[in-house]
Amino acid sequence: GDPPDLIASGPTLPDDSTFDDAIKILENKNLVSEAPIRLVNYLFEGRQGKWPETPETSDPVFGNSAFVMAGSNKTALQASRKEAERIGLTTF
């Protein structure tokens, strides 16, 4: 449900995506010409090795990293629904 590397964990967890992954998304959605030129240039330069990829899972920088999931969108939605029903609101 909630992959830690995709839920705003920022620099605290490794990210296995690549410049090529991002470029493929833009290309598959026909968005290369719609995206800001600085972004497109950065991605293509990164794919050519001008910029470093994000650190890999094995990078020592993550040696002391810990991740605890304290909640999720689903948990928040369920709690909101329960409270709304408790105070007499109709939910769906």
N, C-alpha and C. Protein backbone atom coordinates (compact mmCIF):
# COMPACT_ATOMS: atom_id res chain seq x y z
N GLY A 1 0.74 -1.20 0.00
CA GLY A 1 0.00 0.00 0.00
C GLY A 1 0.78 1.28 0.00
N ASP A 2 1.70 1.47 0.93
CA ASP A 2 2.37 2.75 1.08
C ASP A 2 3.89 2.57 1.05
N PRO A 3 4.49 2.48 -0.13
CA PRO A 3 5.94 2.30 -0.20
C PRO A 3 6.67 3.48 0.44
N PRO A 4 7.53 3.24 1.40
CA PRO A 4 8.21 4.33 2.13
C PRO A 4 8.95 5.31 1.23
N ASP A 5 9.54 4.84 0.14
CA ASP A 5 10.30 5.75 -0.71
C ASP A 5 9.41 6.65 -1.56
N LEU A 6 8.09 6.43 -1.51
CA LEU A 6 7.17 7.23 -2.31
C LEU A 6 6.26 8.12 -1.48
N ILE A 7 6.40 8.13 -0.17
CA ILE A 7 5.46 8.89 0.65
C ILE A 7 6.14 10.02 1.41
N ALA A 8 6.88 10.82 0.70
CA ALA A 8 7.49 12.04 1.26
C ALA A 8 8.51 11.76 2.35
N SER A 9 9.24 10.67 2.23
CA SER A 9 10.28 10.37 3.21
C SER A 9 11.53 11.19 2.96
N GLY A 10 11.56 11.84 1.82
CA GLY A 10 12.68 12.72 1.52
C GLY A 10 14.01 12.00 1.53
N PRO A 11 15.02 12.64 2.07
CA PRO A 11 16.36 12.06 2.01
C PRO A 11 16.64 11.01 3.08
N THR A 12 15.64 10.60 3.83
CA THR A 12 15.89 9.64 4.91
C THR A 12 15.90 8.19 4.45
N LEU A 13 15.44 7.93 3.23
CA LEU A 13 15.39 6.57 2.71
C LEU A 13 15.94 6.53 1.29
N PRO A 14 16.49 5.39 0.90
CA PRO A 14 17.00 5.28 -0.47
C PRO A 14 15.87 5.35 -1.50
N ASP A 15 16.23 5.76 -2.68
CA ASP A 15 15.29 5.88 -3.78
C ASP A 15 15.92 5.19 -4.98
N ASP A 16 15.34 4.11 -5.42
CA ASP A 16 15.93 3.32 -6.50
C ASP A 16 15.55 3.82 -7.89
N SER A 17 14.81 4.93 -7.97
CA SER A 17 14.47 5.46 -9.29
C SER A 17 15.69 6.10 -9.93
N THR A 18 15.64 6.25 -11.25
CA THR A 18 16.76 6.80 -12.00
C THR A 18 16.30 7.96 -12.88
N PHE A 19 17.27 8.68 -13.41
CA PHE A 19 16.94 9.73 -14.38
C PHE A 19 16.19 9.11 -15.56
N ASP A 20 16.62 7.94 -15.98
CA ASP A 20 15.97 7.27 -17.10
C ASP A 20 14.51 6.94 -16.79
N ASP A 21 14.22 6.54 -15.56
CA ASP A 21 12.83 6.27 -15.16
C ASP A 21 11.97 7.52 -15.35
N ALA A 22 12.49 8.66 -14.90
CA ALA A 22 11.73 9.91 -15.00
C ALA A 22 11.53 10.31 -16.46
N ILE A 23 12.57 10.15 -17.26
CA ILE A 23 12.46 10.48 -18.69
C ILE A 23 11.43 9.59 -19.36
N LYS A 24 11.43 8.31 -19.04
CA LYS A 24 10.47 7.38 -19.64
C LYS A 24 9.03 7.77 -19.31
N ILE A 25 8.81 8.23 -18.08
CA ILE A 25 7.46 8.67 -17.70
C ILE A 25 7.04 9.86 -18.55
N LEU A 26 7.92 10.85 -18.66
CA LEU A 26 7.61 12.02 -19.49
C LEU A 26 7.35 11.61 -20.94
N GLU A 27 8.18 10.72 -21.46
CA GLU A 27 8.01 10.28 -22.85
C GLU A 27 6.72 9.48 -23.04
N ASN A 28 6.44 8.56 -22.12
CA ASN A 28 5.23 7.72 -22.24
C ASN A 28 3.95 8.53 -22.15
N LYS A 29 3.99 9.64 -21.43
CA LYS A 29 2.81 10.50 -21.27
C LYS A 29 2.84 11.68 -22.25
N ASN A 30 3.81 11.67 -23.16
CA ASN A 30 3.97 12.76 -24.14
C ASN A 30 4.07 14.13 -23.46
N LEU A 31 4.87 14.20 -22.41
CA LEU A 31 5.00 15.44 -21.64
C LEU A 31 6.36 16.11 -21.76
N VAL A 32 7.26 15.55 -22.55
CA VAL A 32 8.60 16.14 -22.65
C VAL A 32 8.51 17.59 -23.10
N SER A 33 7.68 17.88 -24.10
CA SER A 33 7.58 19.25 -24.60
C SER A 33 6.78 20.15 -23.68
N GLU A 34 6.02 19.57 -22.75
CA GLU A 34 5.21 20.35 -21.82
C GLU A 34 5.95 20.68 -20.52
N ALA A 35 6.93 19.87 -20.19
CA ALA A 35 7.67 20.05 -18.93
C ALA A 35 8.62 21.24 -19.05
N PRO A 36 8.93 21.87 -17.92
CA PRO A 36 9.89 22.99 -17.95
C PRO A 36 11.22 22.54 -18.56
N ILE A 37 11.77 23.36 -19.43
CA ILE A 37 12.99 23.01 -20.15
C ILE A 37 14.15 22.73 -19.19
N ARG A 38 14.21 23.46 -18.07
CA ARG A 38 15.29 23.22 -17.10
C ARG A 38 15.19 21.81 -16.52
N LEU A 39 13.97 21.35 -16.26
CA LEU A 39 13.77 20.00 -15.75
C LEU A 39 14.20 18.96 -16.79
N VAL A 40 13.73 19.14 -18.01
CA VAL A 40 14.07 18.20 -19.08
C VAL A 40 15.58 18.14 -19.28
N ASN A 41 16.23 19.31 -19.32
CA ASN A 41 17.68 19.34 -19.49
C ASN A 41 18.38 18.62 -18.34
N TYR A 42 17.93 18.87 -17.11
CA TYR A 42 18.52 18.23 -15.93
C TYR A 42 18.41 16.71 -16.03
N LEU A 43 17.24 16.22 -16.40
CA LEU A 43 17.04 14.77 -16.50
C LEU A 43 17.93 14.15 -17.57
N PHE A 44 17.99 14.79 -18.74
CA PHE A 44 18.83 14.24 -19.81
C PHE A 44 20.31 14.34 -19.47
N GLU A 45 20.72 15.44 -18.83
CA GLU A 45 22.11 15.57 -18.39
C GLU A 45 22.44 14.52 -17.33
N GLY A 46 21.48 14.28 -16.43
CA GLY A 46 21.67 13.25 -15.40
C GLY A 46 21.82 11.87 -16.01
N ARG A 47 21.01 11.59 -17.00
CA ARG A 47 21.11 10.28 -17.67
C ARG A 47 22.47 10.11 -18.34
N GLN A 48 23.06 11.22 -18.79
CA GLN A 48 24.38 11.17 -19.43
C GLN A 48 25.52 11.18 -18.41
N GLY A 49 25.18 11.28 -17.11
CA GLY A 49 26.20 11.20 -16.08
C GLY A 49 26.69 12.53 -15.54
N LYS A 50 26.12 13.64 -15.99
CA LYS A 50 26.56 14.95 -15.50
C LYS A 50 26.16 15.17 -14.04
N TRP A 51 25.05 14.59 -13.62
CA TRP A 51 24.56 14.72 -12.25
C TRP A 51 24.47 13.34 -11.62
N PRO A 52 24.71 13.24 -10.32
CA PRO A 52 24.65 11.92 -9.67
C PRO A 52 23.21 11.43 -9.49
N GLU A 53 23.05 10.13 -9.59
CA GLU A 53 21.76 9.52 -9.27
C GLU A 53 21.55 9.62 -7.76
N THR A 54 20.34 9.36 -7.30
CA THR A 54 20.09 9.34 -5.86
C THR A 54 20.84 8.16 -5.25
N PRO A 55 21.19 8.23 -3.97
CA PRO A 55 21.96 7.15 -3.34
C PRO A 55 21.21 5.81 -3.40
N GLU A 56 21.97 4.75 -3.64
CA GLU A 56 21.41 3.40 -3.70
C GLU A 56 21.12 2.88 -2.29
N THR A 57 20.35 1.83 -2.22
CA THR A 57 19.99 1.21 -0.94
C THR A 57 21.24 0.84 -0.13
N SER A 58 22.30 0.43 -0.80
CA SER A 58 23.52 -0.01 -0.11
C SER A 58 24.41 1.14 0.35
N ASP A 59 24.06 2.38 0.05
CA ASP A 59 24.89 3.53 0.43
C ASP A 59 24.99 3.62 1.95
N PRO A 60 26.21 3.78 2.49
CA PRO A 60 26.40 3.84 3.94
C PRO A 60 25.65 4.99 4.62
N VAL A 61 25.26 6.00 3.85
CA VAL A 61 24.54 7.12 4.45
C VAL A 61 23.23 6.65 5.11
N PHE A 62 22.71 5.53 4.66
CA PHE A 62 21.45 5.01 5.23
C PHE A 62 21.68 4.00 6.34
N GLY A 63 22.91 3.81 6.76
CA GLY A 63 23.25 2.82 7.77
C GLY A 63 22.50 2.98 9.09
N ASN A 64 22.24 4.19 9.49
CA ASN A 64 21.55 4.44 10.76
C ASN A 64 20.13 4.94 10.55
N SER A 65 19.63 4.82 9.34
CA SER A 65 18.28 5.29 9.03
C SER A 65 17.25 4.30 9.56
N ALA A 66 16.18 4.82 10.08
CA ALA A 66 15.07 3.98 10.53
C ALA A 66 13.78 4.58 9.98
N PHE A 67 12.83 3.74 9.71
CA PHE A 67 11.55 4.20 9.19
C PHE A 67 10.44 3.55 9.98
N VAL A 68 9.52 4.37 10.48
CA VAL A 68 8.36 3.88 11.21
C VAL A 68 7.12 4.50 10.57
N MET A 69 6.20 3.67 10.14
CA MET A 69 4.96 4.17 9.56
C MET A 69 3.99 4.43 10.70
N ALA A 70 3.70 5.69 10.95
CA ALA A 70 2.81 6.06 12.05
C ALA A 70 1.36 6.15 11.59
N GLY A 71 1.13 6.18 10.32
CA GLY A 71 -0.22 6.28 9.80
C GLY A 71 -0.17 6.23 8.29
N SER A 72 -1.32 6.37 7.69
CA SER A 72 -1.40 6.37 6.23
C SER A 72 -2.62 7.17 5.82
N ASN A 73 -2.72 7.45 4.55
CA ASN A 73 -3.92 8.15 4.07
C ASN A 73 -5.17 7.33 4.36
N LYS A 74 -5.07 6.02 4.21
CA LYS A 74 -6.22 5.15 4.48
C LYS A 74 -6.63 5.23 5.95
N THR A 75 -5.65 5.20 6.84
CA THR A 75 -5.93 5.30 8.28
C THR A 75 -6.58 6.64 8.60
N ALA A 76 -6.06 7.71 8.02
CA ALA A 76 -6.62 9.05 8.26
C ALA A 76 -8.05 9.14 7.73
N LEU A 77 -8.29 8.58 6.56
CA LEU A 77 -9.62 8.60 5.97
C LEU A 77 -10.61 7.82 6.83
N GLN A 78 -10.20 6.66 7.31
CA GLN A 78 -11.08 5.86 8.16
C GLN A 78 -11.40 6.58 9.46
N ALA A 79 -10.42 7.22 10.06
CA ALA A 79 -10.64 7.95 11.31
C ALA A 79 -11.55 9.16 11.07
N SER A 80 -11.36 9.84 9.95
CA SER A 80 -12.20 11.00 9.62
C SER A 80 -13.65 10.56 9.43
N ARG A 81 -13.84 9.45 8.74
CA ARG A 81 -15.19 8.95 8.51
C ARG A 81 -15.86 8.57 9.83
N LYS A 82 -15.12 7.89 10.68
CA LYS A 82 -15.67 7.47 11.97
C LYS A 82 -16.10 8.69 12.79
N GLU A 83 -15.27 9.72 12.82
CA GLU A 83 -15.59 10.93 13.59
C GLU A 83 -16.77 11.66 12.96
N ALA A 84 -16.82 11.74 11.64
CA ALA A 84 -17.94 12.41 10.97
C ALA A 84 -19.25 11.71 11.30
N GLU A 85 -19.25 10.38 11.26
CA GLU A 85 -20.46 9.63 11.60
C GLU A 85 -20.82 9.81 13.07
N ARG A 86 -19.81 9.89 13.93
CA ARG A 86 -20.06 10.06 15.36
C ARG A 86 -20.79 11.37 15.63
N ILE A 87 -20.48 12.41 14.86
CA ILE A 87 -21.14 13.70 15.11
C ILE A 87 -22.37 13.89 14.22
N GLY A 88 -22.80 12.83 13.56
CA GLY A 88 -24.06 12.86 12.84
C GLY A 88 -24.00 13.22 11.37
N LEU A 89 -22.83 13.28 10.79
CA LEU A 89 -22.73 13.58 9.36
C LEU A 89 -22.92 12.31 8.54
N THR A 90 -23.47 12.46 7.37
CA THR A 90 -23.64 11.33 6.46
C THR A 90 -22.36 11.17 5.65
N THR A 91 -21.85 9.97 5.62
CA THR A 91 -20.63 9.70 4.85
C THR A 91 -20.95 8.72 3.73
N PHE A 92 -20.05 8.62 2.81
CA PHE A 92 -20.23 7.68 1.70
C PHE A 92 -18.92 7.06 1.32
